[in-house]
Amino acid sequence: MTDDQARRIPRTVAFGLAFVAGLAMSLQAHINGELGTALGSGIVAATLSFGGGVLLLVIGAAVSGRMRNGLVAIRAAISTQKTSWSFTLAGAAGAAFVLSQSTVAPILGLGLFTVAFVCGLTMGGLLIDRWGVGPAGRKAITPLRLVGAALGVCAVVIASWGALSTQVFSMGIFLPVACGVAVAWQQAANGRLTSVGHNAWSTTFINFSVGFGVLLLGSATVVEITRPAVNFPTNPLLYMGGPVGIVFIAIASIVVRHIGILVYGLCATTGQLASAVAFDVADPTGGGIDASLVTAVIIVATGAALASLSGLRHKGRSGA
């Protein structure tokens, strides 16, 4: 999708696309978690996930002149200091997120993993919107946004209370929360690159290339040191994490310029929670979800609604 086409997206369509992105994020977490378990190596699973996405995007760049022109435009914008080169490193945040999906999500359960991630994403979006990092510009921190962020933190505590050991709580919960903050910055950076490159697929290509490079280096180091016995599963669906990731990276790079980082993240949260909890319930090898997790989901949804309402009201007052 080109920049001119992106300008014509109505806000209601942007909300719907963000919801679809949330579904894709949750589906990717499920796929990568299964692949990591099957391989016995989370970092190898994350590398394969990114590798599949890079392969598809390389094919896309070979056949799409617009995608190649977007890459040239981004390079020119960096050379002339129209945009920061640091935005091209956003793929490293995506790599960390995918790695956490492959290693932590199977331990915490996809529902709890998603709640923790959403907490970090919400707080990160709140601050990044305030600083004006994304293409939508600076947005004030309103009381409703603060309440939404606070409810996200409460949800993580409630979901973890009595359900996890102290070791898992201190180490396992921290990673998806940190990844949420990093992904909020990634979305802002991608939005900036798409604004200057005029092509979401060009931005997605840069993201996947950087992320794949980071994971490939880490995977090679781990394999060299540990020499794990990796048995590759034959189910082709387990290798679809990368292509699914292309969907939500491309959507985010377009939508954030219309509704901001926080509102995008919280709309995507609706899609994530709608599918993540269902995955945990349907998992025949797991214990389903308990009352604390259900309560946490309700609290996060309430916080998302409040913060989204604040964002919409603020947008309306600015005359957009």
C-alpha atoms as a PDB file:
ATOM      1  CA  MET A   1       0.000   0.000   0.000  1.00  0.00           C
ATOM      2  CA  THR A   2       1.367   3.428  -0.968  1.00  0.00           C
ATOM      3  CA  ASP A   3       1.438   6.565   1.162  1.00  0.00           C
ATOM      4  CA  ASP A   4      -1.282   8.219  -0.938  1.00  0.00           C
ATOM      5  CA  GLN A   5      -3.579   5.247  -0.430  1.00  0.00           C
ATOM      6  CA  ALA A   6      -2.833   5.236   3.297  1.00  0.00           C
ATOM      7  CA  ARG A   7      -4.012   8.858   3.609  1.00  0.00           C
ATOM      8  CA  ARG A   8      -7.489   7.808   2.473  1.00  0.00           C
ATOM      9  CA  ILE A   9      -8.047   5.239   5.236  1.00  0.00           C
ATOM     10  CA  PRO A  10     -11.046   6.267   7.419  1.00  0.00           C
ATOM     11  CA  ARG A  11     -10.460   6.114  11.166  1.00  0.00           C
ATOM     12  CA  THR A  12     -13.003   3.317  11.591  1.00  0.00           C
ATOM     13  CA  VAL A  13     -11.117   1.245   9.018  1.00  0.00           C
ATOM     14  CA  ALA A  14      -7.868   2.012  10.852  1.00  0.00           C
ATOM     15  CA  PHE A  15      -9.400   0.637  14.062  1.00  0.00           C
ATOM     16  CA  GLY A  16     -10.490  -2.506  12.215  1.00  0.00           C
ATOM     17  CA  LEU A  17      -7.030  -2.998  10.711  1.00  0.00           C
ATOM     18  CA  ALA A  18      -5.483  -2.617  14.164  1.00  0.00           C
ATOM     19  CA  PHE A  19      -7.861  -5.321  15.439  1.00  0.00           C
ATOM     20  CA  VAL A  20      -6.735  -7.631  12.614  1.00  0.00           C
ATOM     21  CA  ALA A  21      -3.116  -6.872  13.487  1.00  0.00           C
ATOM     22  CA  GLY A  22      -3.838  -7.967  17.060  1.00  0.00           C
ATOM     23  CA  LEU A  23      -5.280 -11.243  15.801  1.00  0.00           C
ATOM     24  CA  ALA A  24      -2.147 -11.771  13.705  1.00  0.00           C
ATOM     25  CA  MET A  25       0.137 -11.021  16.652  1.00  0.00           C
ATOM     26  CA  SER A  26      -1.636 -13.558  18.835  1.00  0.00           C
ATOM     27  CA  LEU A  27      -1.614 -16.155  16.057  1.00  0.00           C
ATOM     28  CA  GLN A  28       2.105 -15.620  15.532  1.00  0.00           C
ATOM     29  CA  ALA A  29       2.744 -16.046  19.260  1.00  0.00           C
ATOM     30  CA  HIS A  30       0.867 -19.361  19.169  1.00  0.00           C
ATOM     31  CA  ILE A  31       2.745 -20.596  16.087  1.00  0.00           C
ATOM     32  CA  ASN A  32       6.183 -19.545  17.315  1.00  0.00           C
ATOM     33  CA  GLY A  33       5.535 -21.019  20.742  1.00  0.00           C
ATOM     34  CA  GLU A  34       4.604 -24.358  19.182  1.00  0.00           C
ATOM     35  CA  LEU A  35       7.644 -24.268  16.889  1.00  0.00           C
ATOM     36  CA  GLY A  36       9.966 -23.419  19.773  1.00  0.00           C
ATOM     37  CA  THR A  37       8.608 -26.340  21.788  1.00  0.00           C
ATOM     38  CA  ALA A  38       8.914 -28.729  18.842  1.00  0.00           C
ATOM     39  CA  LEU A  39      12.491 -27.659  18.082  1.00  0.00           C
ATOM     40  CA  GLY A  40      13.580 -27.485  21.697  1.00  0.00           C
ATOM     41  CA  SER A  41      15.201 -24.109  20.923  1.00  0.00           C
ATOM     42  CA  GLY A  42      13.370 -20.817  21.103  1.00  0.00           C
ATOM     43  CA  ILE A  43      16.037 -18.793  19.317  1.00  0.00           C
ATOM     44  CA  VAL A  44      16.205 -21.234  16.399  1.00  0.00           C
ATOM     45  CA  ALA A  45      12.408 -21.034  16.115  1.00  0.00           C
ATOM     46  CA  ALA A  46      12.506 -17.223  16.122  1.00  0.00           C
ATOM     47  CA  THR A  47      15.233 -17.236  13.464  1.00  0.00           C
ATOM     48  CA  LEU A  48      13.230 -19.548  11.237  1.00  0.00           C
ATOM     49  CA  SER A  49      10.157 -17.348  11.715  1.00  0.00           C
ATOM     50  CA  PHE A  50      12.000 -14.238  10.592  1.00  0.00           C
ATOM     51  CA  GLY A  51      13.757 -16.143   7.820  1.00  0.00           C
ATOM     52  CA  GLY A  52      10.432 -17.133   6.276  1.00  0.00           C
ATOM     53  CA  GLY A  53       9.302 -13.526   6.318  1.00  0.00           C
ATOM     54  CA  VAL A  54      12.549 -12.272   4.775  1.00  0.00           C
ATOM     55  CA  LEU A  55      12.281 -14.822   1.965  1.00  0.00           C
ATOM     56  CA  LEU A  56       8.792 -13.625   1.029  1.00  0.00           C
ATOM     57  CA  LEU A  57       9.818  -9.970   1.217  1.00  0.00           C
ATOM     58  CA  VAL A  58      12.909 -10.538  -0.958  1.00  0.00           C
ATOM     59  CA  ILE A  59      10.620 -12.043  -3.593  1.00  0.00           C
ATOM     60  CA  GLY A  60       8.316  -9.052  -3.189  1.00  0.00           C
ATOM     61  CA  ALA A  61      11.184  -6.580  -3.660  1.00  0.00           C
ATOM     62  CA  ALA A  62      12.287  -8.434  -6.782  1.00  0.00           C
ATOM     63  CA  VAL A  63       8.895  -8.043  -8.466  1.00  0.00           C
ATOM     64  CA  SER A  64       7.692  -4.716  -7.022  1.00  0.00           C
ATOM     65  CA  GLY A  65       9.159  -1.479  -8.325  1.00  0.00           C
ATOM     66  CA  ARG A  66       7.241   0.514  -5.706  1.00  0.00           C
ATOM     67  CA  MET A  67       8.826  -1.490  -2.932  1.00  0.00           C
ATOM     68  CA  ARG A  68      12.318  -0.866  -4.344  1.00  0.00           C
ATOM     69  CA  ASN A  69      11.543   2.826  -4.786  1.00  0.00           C
ATOM     70  CA  GLY A  70      10.460   2.946  -1.152  1.00  0.00           C
ATOM     71  CA  LEU A  71      13.806   1.554  -0.032  1.00  0.00           C
ATOM     72  CA  VAL A  72      15.619   4.163  -2.130  1.00  0.00           C
ATOM     73  CA  ALA A  73      13.456   6.942  -0.656  1.00  0.00           C
ATOM     74  CA  ILE A  74      14.171   5.797   2.904  1.00  0.00           C
ATOM     75  CA  ARG A  75      17.894   5.728   2.196  1.00  0.00           C
ATOM     76  CA  ALA A  76      17.722   9.246   0.745  1.00  0.00           C
ATOM     77  CA  ALA A  77      15.770  10.517   3.775  1.00  0.00           C
ATOM     78  CA  ILE A  78      18.419   9.138   6.112  1.00  0.00           C
ATOM     79  CA  SER A  79      21.256  10.590   4.021  1.00  0.00           C
ATOM     80  CA  THR A  80      19.670  14.051   4.105  1.00  0.00           C
ATOM     81  CA  GLN A  81      18.811  13.675   7.822  1.00  0.00           C
ATOM     82  CA  LYS A  82      15.107  13.985   7.077  1.00  0.00           C
ATOM     83  CA  THR A  83      14.646  10.960   9.331  1.00  0.00           C
ATOM     84  CA  SER A  84      16.874   9.209  11.856  1.00  0.00           C
ATOM     85  CA  TRP A  85      18.925   6.162  10.881  1.00  0.00           C
ATOM     86  CA  SER A  86      18.049   4.669  14.272  1.00  0.00           C
ATOM     87  CA  PHE A  87      14.529   3.964  13.013  1.00  0.00           C
ATOM     88  CA  THR A  88      15.967   1.266  10.736  1.00  0.00           C
ATOM     89  CA  LEU A  89      16.919  -0.688  13.868  1.00  0.00           C
ATOM     90  CA  ALA A  90      13.267  -1.203  14.797  1.00  0.00           C
ATOM     91  CA  GLY A  91      13.490  -4.773  13.551  1.00  0.00           C
ATOM     92  CA  ALA A  92      15.669  -5.620  16.563  1.00  0.00           C
ATOM     93  CA  ALA A  93      12.662  -4.944  18.810  1.00  0.00           C
ATOM     94  CA  GLY A  94      10.596  -7.274  16.646  1.00  0.00           C
ATOM     95  CA  ALA A  95      13.302  -9.922  16.936  1.00  0.00           C
ATOM     96  CA  ALA A  96      13.202  -9.686  20.730  1.00  0.00           C
ATOM     97  CA  PHE A  97       9.413 -10.000  20.675  1.00  0.00           C
ATOM     98  CA  VAL A  98       9.441 -13.079  18.438  1.00  0.00           C
ATOM     99  CA  LEU A  99      12.154 -14.671  20.578  1.00  0.00           C
ATOM    100  CA  SER A 100      10.039 -14.096  23.686  1.00  0.00           C
ATOM    101  CA  GLN A 101       7.083 -15.715  21.908  1.00  0.00           C
ATOM    102  CA  SER A 102       9.159 -18.827  21.254  1.00  0.00           C
ATOM    103  CA  THR A 103      10.646 -19.085  24.735  1.00  0.00           C
ATOM    104  CA  VAL A 104       8.397 -17.411  27.331  1.00  0.00           C
ATOM    105  CA  ALA A 105       4.897 -17.801  25.878  1.00  0.00           C
ATOM    106  CA  PRO A 106       4.879 -21.630  26.253  1.00  0.00           C
ATOM    107  CA  ILE A 107       5.883 -21.225  29.926  1.00  0.00           C
ATOM    108  CA  LEU A 108       3.457 -18.470  30.904  1.00  0.00           C
ATOM    109  CA  GLY A 109       0.574 -19.508  28.667  1.00  0.00           C
ATOM    110  CA  LEU A 110      -0.448 -17.355  25.735  1.00  0.00           C
ATOM    111  CA  GLY A 111      -3.138 -15.462  27.652  1.00  0.00           C
ATOM    112  CA  LEU A 112      -0.807 -14.350  30.460  1.00  0.00           C
ATOM    113  CA  PHE A 113       1.985 -13.612  27.988  1.00  0.00           C
ATOM    114  CA  THR A 114      -0.380 -11.357  26.049  1.00  0.00           C
ATOM    115  CA  VAL A 115      -1.547  -9.501  29.163  1.00  0.00           C
ATOM    116  CA  ALA A 116       2.071  -8.776  30.169  1.00  0.00           C
ATOM    117  CA  PHE A 117       2.977  -7.696  26.658  1.00  0.00           C
ATOM    118  CA  VAL A 118      -0.068  -5.419  26.441  1.00  0.00           C
ATOM    119  CA  CYS A 119       0.921  -3.791  29.720  1.00  0.00           C
ATOM    120  CA  GLY A 120       4.321  -2.830  28.297  1.00  0.00           C
ATOM    121  CA  LEU A 121       2.820  -1.838  24.968  1.00  0.00           C
ATOM    122  CA  THR A 122       0.258   0.434  26.654  1.00  0.00           C
ATOM    123  CA  MET A 123       2.760   2.200  28.877  1.00  0.00           C
ATOM    124  CA  GLY A 124       5.245   2.483  26.020  1.00  0.00           C
ATOM    125  CA  GLY A 125       2.581   3.911  23.730  1.00  0.00           C
ATOM    126  CA  LEU A 126       1.567   6.429  26.375  1.00  0.00           C
ATOM    127  CA  LEU A 127       5.113   7.791  26.662  1.00  0.00           C
ATOM    128  CA  ILE A 128       6.004   7.623  22.969  1.00  0.00           C
ATOM    129  CA  ASP A 129       2.824   9.480  22.001  1.00  0.00           C
ATOM    130  CA  ARG A 130       3.681  12.104  24.615  1.00  0.00           C
ATOM    131  CA  TRP A 131       7.186  12.524  23.177  1.00  0.00           C
ATOM    132  CA  GLY A 132       5.861  12.698  19.614  1.00  0.00           C
ATOM    133  CA  VAL A 133       8.140   9.974  18.257  1.00  0.00           C
ATOM    134  CA  GLY A 134       5.519   8.546  15.890  1.00  0.00           C
ATOM    135  CA  PRO A 135       4.190  10.096  12.675  1.00  0.00           C
ATOM    136  CA  ALA A 136       0.917  11.143  14.351  1.00  0.00           C
ATOM    137  CA  GLY A 137       2.803  13.747  16.413  1.00  0.00           C
ATOM    138  CA  ARG A 138       2.734  14.655  20.089  1.00  0.00           C
ATOM    139  CA  LYS A 139      -0.299  13.651  22.193  1.00  0.00           C
ATOM    140  CA  ALA A 140      -0.997  14.822  25.722  1.00  0.00           C
ATOM    141  CA  ILE A 141      -1.070  12.436  28.681  1.00  0.00           C
ATOM    142  CA  THR A 142      -4.669  12.668  29.863  1.00  0.00           C
ATOM    143  CA  PRO A 143      -6.179  11.279  33.074  1.00  0.00           C
ATOM    144  CA  LEU A 144      -8.009   8.553  31.149  1.00  0.00           C
ATOM    145  CA  ARG A 145      -4.788   7.452  29.475  1.00  0.00           C
ATOM    146  CA  LEU A 146      -3.053   7.295  32.834  1.00  0.00           C
ATOM    147  CA  VAL A 147      -5.911   5.237  34.268  1.00  0.00           C
ATOM    148  CA  GLY A 148      -5.720   2.868  31.297  1.00  0.00           C
ATOM    149  CA  ALA A 149      -1.986   2.363  31.778  1.00  0.00           C
ATOM    150  CA  ALA A 150      -2.424   1.830  35.535  1.00  0.00           C
ATOM    151  CA  LEU A 151      -5.109  -0.788  34.932  1.00  0.00           C
ATOM    152  CA  GLY A 152      -2.709  -2.606  32.621  1.00  0.00           C
ATOM    153  CA  VAL A 153      -0.125  -2.820  35.417  1.00  0.00           C
ATOM    154  CA  CYS A 154      -2.780  -4.052  37.856  1.00  0.00           C
ATOM    155  CA  ALA A 155      -3.824  -6.704  35.378  1.00  0.00           C
ATOM    156  CA  VAL A 156      -0.301  -8.138  35.201  1.00  0.00           C
ATOM    157  CA  VAL A 157      -0.093  -8.342  38.997  1.00  0.00           C
ATOM    158  CA  ILE A 158      -3.515  -9.986  39.317  1.00  0.00           C
ATOM    159  CA  ALA A 159      -2.852 -12.470  36.525  1.00  0.00           C
ATOM    160  CA  SER A 160       0.427 -13.493  38.133  1.00  0.00           C
ATOM    161  CA  TRP A 161      -0.855 -13.641  41.710  1.00  0.00           C
ATOM    162  CA  GLY A 162      -0.737 -17.200  42.954  1.00  0.00           C
ATOM    163  CA  ALA A 163      -0.414 -18.603  39.444  1.00  0.00           C
ATOM    164  CA  LEU A 164       3.350 -18.513  38.987  1.00  0.00           C
ATOM    165  CA  SER A 165       6.390 -19.258  41.078  1.00  0.00           C
ATOM    166  CA  THR A 166       8.527 -16.345  42.285  1.00  0.00           C
ATOM    167  CA  GLN A 167      11.267 -17.229  39.809  1.00  0.00           C
ATOM    168  CA  VAL A 168       8.928 -17.263  36.823  1.00  0.00           C
ATOM    169  CA  PHE A 169       7.245 -14.056  37.960  1.00  0.00           C
ATOM    170  CA  SER A 170      10.514 -12.138  38.318  1.00  0.00           C
ATOM    171  CA  MET A 171      12.110 -13.401  35.113  1.00  0.00           C
ATOM    172  CA  GLY A 172       9.313 -14.569  32.853  1.00  0.00           C
ATOM    173  CA  ILE A 173       6.910 -11.632  33.197  1.00  0.00           C
ATOM    174  CA  PHE A 174       9.606  -9.015  32.702  1.00  0.00           C
ATOM    175  CA  LEU A 175      10.480 -10.052  29.150  1.00  0.00           C
ATOM    176  CA  PRO A 176       7.061  -9.596  27.493  1.00  0.00           C
ATOM    177  CA  VAL A 177       6.551  -6.318  29.392  1.00  0.00           C
ATOM    178  CA  ALA A 178       9.916  -5.027  28.132  1.00  0.00           C
ATOM    179  CA  CYS A 179       9.121  -6.285  24.643  1.00  0.00           C
ATOM    180  CA  GLY A 180       5.838  -4.380  24.763  1.00  0.00           C
ATOM    181  CA  VAL A 181       7.685  -1.110  25.404  1.00  0.00           C
ATOM    182  CA  ALA A 182      10.186  -1.920  22.635  1.00  0.00           C
ATOM    183  CA  VAL A 183       7.427  -2.788  20.166  1.00  0.00           C
ATOM    184  CA  ALA A 184       5.680   0.531  20.909  1.00  0.00           C
ATOM    185  CA  TRP A 185       8.869   2.283  19.796  1.00  0.00           C
ATOM    186  CA  GLN A 186       9.114  -0.077  16.815  1.00  0.00           C
ATOM    187  CA  GLN A 187       5.643   0.951  15.660  1.00  0.00           C
ATOM    188  CA  ALA A 188       6.558   4.638  15.905  1.00  0.00           C
ATOM    189  CA  ALA A 189       9.814   4.071  14.012  1.00  0.00           C
ATOM    190  CA  ASN A 190       8.067   2.068  11.304  1.00  0.00           C
ATOM    191  CA  GLY A 191       5.454   4.778  10.920  1.00  0.00           C
ATOM    192  CA  ARG A 192       8.225   7.333  10.390  1.00  0.00           C
ATOM    193  CA  LEU A 193       9.959   5.161   7.775  1.00  0.00           C
ATOM    194  CA  THR A 194       6.696   4.589   5.935  1.00  0.00           C
ATOM    195  CA  SER A 195       6.035   8.330   5.930  1.00  0.00           C
ATOM    196  CA  VAL A 196       9.285   9.012   4.060  1.00  0.00           C
ATOM    197  CA  GLY A 197       9.397   5.828   1.987  1.00  0.00           C
ATOM    198  CA  HIS A 198       5.730   5.946   0.930  1.00  0.00           C
ATOM    199  CA  ASN A 199       5.507   2.145   1.002  1.00  0.00           C
ATOM    200  CA  ALA A 200       4.670  -0.058   3.999  1.00  0.00           C
ATOM    201  CA  TRP A 201       6.272  -3.132   2.438  1.00  0.00           C
ATOM    202  CA  SER A 202       9.631  -1.337   2.174  1.00  0.00           C
ATOM    203  CA  THR A 203       9.484  -0.620   5.903  1.00  0.00           C
ATOM    204  CA  THR A 204       8.517  -4.224   6.621  1.00  0.00           C
ATOM    205  CA  PHE A 205      11.449  -5.455   4.517  1.00  0.00           C
ATOM    206  CA  ILE A 206      13.907  -3.366   6.576  1.00  0.00           C
ATOM    207  CA  ASN A 207      12.339  -4.637   9.804  1.00  0.00           C
ATOM    208  CA  PHE A 208      12.583  -8.280   8.885  1.00  0.00           C
ATOM    209  CA  SER A 209      16.108  -7.963   7.473  1.00  0.00           C
ATOM    210  CA  VAL A 210      17.454  -6.350  10.645  1.00  0.00           C
ATOM    211  CA  GLY A 211      15.571  -8.737  12.921  1.00  0.00           C
ATOM    212  CA  PHE A 212      16.706 -11.767  10.939  1.00  0.00           C
ATOM    213  CA  GLY A 213      20.326 -10.609  11.099  1.00  0.00           C
ATOM    214  CA  VAL A 214      20.176 -10.186  14.876  1.00  0.00           C
ATOM    215  CA  LEU A 215      18.521 -13.569  15.409  1.00  0.00           C
ATOM    216  CA  LEU A 216      20.790 -15.370  12.962  1.00  0.00           C
ATOM    217  CA  LEU A 217      23.864 -14.153  14.819  1.00  0.00           C
ATOM    218  CA  GLY A 218      22.370 -15.127  18.173  1.00  0.00           C
ATOM    219  CA  SER A 219      21.176 -18.494  16.906  1.00  0.00           C
ATOM    220  CA  ALA A 220      24.580 -19.335  15.429  1.00  0.00           C
ATOM    221  CA  THR A 221      26.257 -18.450  18.727  1.00  0.00           C
ATOM    222  CA  VAL A 222      23.852 -20.562  20.791  1.00  0.00           C
ATOM    223  CA  VAL A 223      24.112 -23.548  18.456  1.00  0.00           C
ATOM    224  CA  GLU A 224      27.918 -23.337  18.446  1.00  0.00           C
ATOM    225  CA  ILE A 225      28.081 -23.261  22.246  1.00  0.00           C
ATOM    226  CA  THR A 226      25.341 -25.716  23.210  1.00  0.00           C
ATOM    227  CA  ARG A 227      25.288 -28.026  20.165  1.00  0.00           C
ATOM    228  CA  PRO A 228      21.575 -28.823  20.624  1.00  0.00           C
ATOM    229  CA  ALA A 229      19.983 -31.796  18.912  1.00  0.00           C
ATOM    230  CA  VAL A 230      17.412 -29.964  16.779  1.00  0.00           C
ATOM    231  CA  ASN A 231      14.736 -32.027  15.052  1.00  0.00           C
ATOM    232  CA  PHE A 232      12.773 -29.979  12.552  1.00  0.00           C
ATOM    233  CA  PRO A 233       9.003 -30.687  12.636  1.00  0.00           C
ATOM    234  CA  THR A 234       7.319 -31.665   9.386  1.00  0.00           C
ATOM    235  CA  ASN A 235       4.117 -29.649   9.959  1.00  0.00           C
ATOM    236  CA  PRO A 236       4.387 -26.727   7.483  1.00  0.00           C
ATOM    237  CA  LEU A 237       1.998 -24.580   9.534  1.00  0.00           C
ATOM    238  CA  LEU A 238       4.642 -24.253  12.255  1.00  0.00           C
ATOM    239  CA  TYR A 239       6.810 -22.242   9.860  1.00  0.00           C
ATOM    240  CA  MET A 240       4.139 -19.631   9.118  1.00  0.00           C
ATOM    241  CA  GLY A 241       5.078 -17.262  11.953  1.00  0.00           C
ATOM    242  CA  GLY A 242       7.139 -15.035   9.676  1.00  0.00           C
ATOM    243  CA  PRO A 243       4.460 -14.542   6.999  1.00  0.00           C
ATOM    244  CA  VAL A 244       1.902 -13.818   9.743  1.00  0.00           C
ATOM    245  CA  GLY A 245       4.310 -11.269  11.209  1.00  0.00           C
ATOM    246  CA  ILE A 246       4.474  -9.471   7.866  1.00  0.00           C
ATOM    247  CA  VAL A 247       0.765  -8.730   8.212  1.00  0.00           C
ATOM    248  CA  PHE A 248       0.850  -6.873  11.516  1.00  0.00           C
ATOM    249  CA  ILE A 249       4.156  -5.081  10.848  1.00  0.00           C
ATOM    250  CA  ALA A 250       2.812  -3.680   7.579  1.00  0.00           C
ATOM    251  CA  ILE A 251      -0.535  -2.728   9.141  1.00  0.00           C
ATOM    252  CA  ALA A 252       1.119  -0.979  12.089  1.00  0.00           C
ATOM    253  CA  SER A 253       3.437   1.058   9.855  1.00  0.00           C
ATOM    254  CA  ILE A 254       0.361   2.465   8.075  1.00  0.00           C
ATOM    255  CA  VAL A 255      -2.203   2.800  10.861  1.00  0.00           C
ATOM    256  CA  VAL A 256      -0.116   4.547  13.546  1.00  0.00           C
ATOM    257  CA  ARG A 257      -0.034   7.765  11.525  1.00  0.00           C
ATOM    258  CA  HIS A 258      -3.840   7.928  11.747  1.00  0.00           C
ATOM    259  CA  ILE A 259      -4.563   6.977  15.359  1.00  0.00           C
ATOM    260  CA  GLY A 260      -1.237   7.184  17.219  1.00  0.00           C
ATOM    261  CA  ILE A 261       0.806   4.528  18.999  1.00  0.00           C
ATOM    262  CA  LEU A 262      -1.290   4.159  22.152  1.00  0.00           C
ATOM    263  CA  VAL A 263      -4.666   3.949  20.422  1.00  0.00           C
ATOM    264  CA  TYR A 264      -3.262   1.567  17.796  1.00  0.00           C
ATOM    265  CA  GLY A 265      -1.823  -0.672  20.498  1.00  0.00           C
ATOM    266  CA  LEU A 266      -5.033  -0.755  22.476  1.00  0.00           C
ATOM    267  CA  CYS A 267      -7.177  -1.476  19.420  1.00  0.00           C
ATOM    268  CA  ALA A 268      -4.789  -4.306  18.569  1.00  0.00           C
ATOM    269  CA  THR A 269      -5.157  -5.469  22.174  1.00  0.00           C
ATOM    270  CA  THR A 270      -8.795  -6.241  21.501  1.00  0.00           C
ATOM    271  CA  GLY A 271      -7.775  -8.605  18.721  1.00  0.00           C
ATOM    272  CA  GLN A 272      -5.009 -10.158  20.801  1.00  0.00           C
ATOM    273  CA  LEU A 273      -7.214 -10.880  23.788  1.00  0.00           C
ATOM    274  CA  ALA A 274     -10.048 -12.148  21.604  1.00  0.00           C
ATOM    275  CA  SER A 275      -7.796 -14.886  20.255  1.00  0.00           C
ATOM    276  CA  ALA A 276      -5.120 -15.446  22.903  1.00  0.00           C
ATOM    277  CA  VAL A 277      -7.527 -16.496  25.633  1.00  0.00           C
ATOM    278  CA  ALA A 278      -9.286 -18.812  23.176  1.00  0.00           C
ATOM    279  CA  PHE A 279      -5.956 -20.506  22.408  1.00  0.00           C
ATOM    280  CA  ASP A 280      -5.303 -21.124  26.109  1.00  0.00           C
ATOM    281  CA  VAL A 281      -8.799 -22.511  26.662  1.00  0.00           C
ATOM    282  CA  ALA A 282      -8.585 -24.798  23.634  1.00  0.00           C
ATOM    283  CA  ASP A 283      -5.100 -26.109  24.474  1.00  0.00           C
ATOM    284  CA  PRO A 284      -5.648 -29.798  25.347  1.00  0.00           C
ATOM    285  CA  THR A 285      -2.286 -30.047  27.131  1.00  0.00           C
ATOM    286  CA  GLY A 286      -2.823 -27.010  29.344  1.00  0.00           C
ATOM    287  CA  GLY A 287      -5.019 -26.280  32.307  1.00  0.00           C
ATOM    288  CA  GLY A 288      -7.051 -23.577  30.599  1.00  0.00           C
ATOM    289  CA  ILE A 289      -7.332 -20.208  32.319  1.00  0.00           C
ATOM    290  CA  ASP A 290      -8.158 -19.457  35.922  1.00  0.00           C
ATOM    291  CA  ALA A 291     -10.232 -16.727  37.527  1.00  0.00           C
ATOM    292  CA  SER A 292      -7.236 -14.422  38.032  1.00  0.00           C
ATOM    293  CA  LEU A 293      -6.436 -14.456  34.313  1.00  0.00           C
ATOM    294  CA  VAL A 294     -10.066 -13.813  33.363  1.00  0.00           C
ATOM    295  CA  THR A 295     -10.117 -10.881  35.795  1.00  0.00           C
ATOM    296  CA  ALA A 296      -6.871  -9.562  34.295  1.00  0.00           C
ATOM    297  CA  VAL A 297      -8.295  -9.710  30.780  1.00  0.00           C
ATOM    298  CA  ILE A 298     -11.373  -7.743  31.890  1.00  0.00           C
ATOM    299  CA  ILE A 299      -9.178  -5.111  33.544  1.00  0.00           C
ATOM    300  CA  VAL A 300      -6.962  -4.730  30.478  1.00  0.00           C
ATOM    301  CA  ALA A 301     -10.030  -4.409  28.248  1.00  0.00           C
ATOM    302  CA  THR A 302     -11.433  -1.708  30.537  1.00  0.00           C
ATOM    303  CA  GLY A 303      -8.138   0.172  30.509  1.00  0.00           C
ATOM    304  CA  ALA A 304      -7.979  -0.114  26.718  1.00  0.00           C
ATOM    305  CA  ALA A 305     -11.472   1.323  26.357  1.00  0.00           C
ATOM    306  CA  LEU A 306     -10.729   4.283  28.622  1.00  0.00           C
ATOM    307  CA  ALA A 307      -7.398   5.128  27.004  1.00  0.00           C
ATOM    308  CA  SER A 308      -8.843   4.734  23.497  1.00  0.00           C
ATOM    309  CA  LEU A 309     -11.737   7.053  24.359  1.00  0.00           C
ATOM    310  CA  SER A 310      -9.282   9.647  25.647  1.00  0.00           C
ATOM    311  CA  GLY A 311      -7.229   9.357  22.491  1.00  0.00           C
ATOM    312  CA  LEU A 312     -10.283   9.816  20.282  1.00  0.00           C
ATOM    313  CA  ARG A 313     -11.494  12.832  22.245  1.00  0.00           C
ATOM    314  CA  HIS A 314      -8.051  14.420  22.089  1.00  0.00           C
ATOM    315  CA  LYS A 315      -7.881  13.779  18.340  1.00  0.00           C
ATOM    316  CA  GLY A 316     -11.234  15.427  17.835  1.00  0.00           C
ATOM    317  CA  ARG A 317     -10.224  18.531  19.783  1.00  0.00           C
ATOM    318  CA  SER A 318      -7.092  18.917  17.654  1.00  0.00           C
ATOM    319  CA  GLY A 319      -9.307  19.250  14.592  1.00  0.00           C
ATOM    320  CA  ALA A 320      -8.177  16.071  12.895  1.00  0.00           C
END
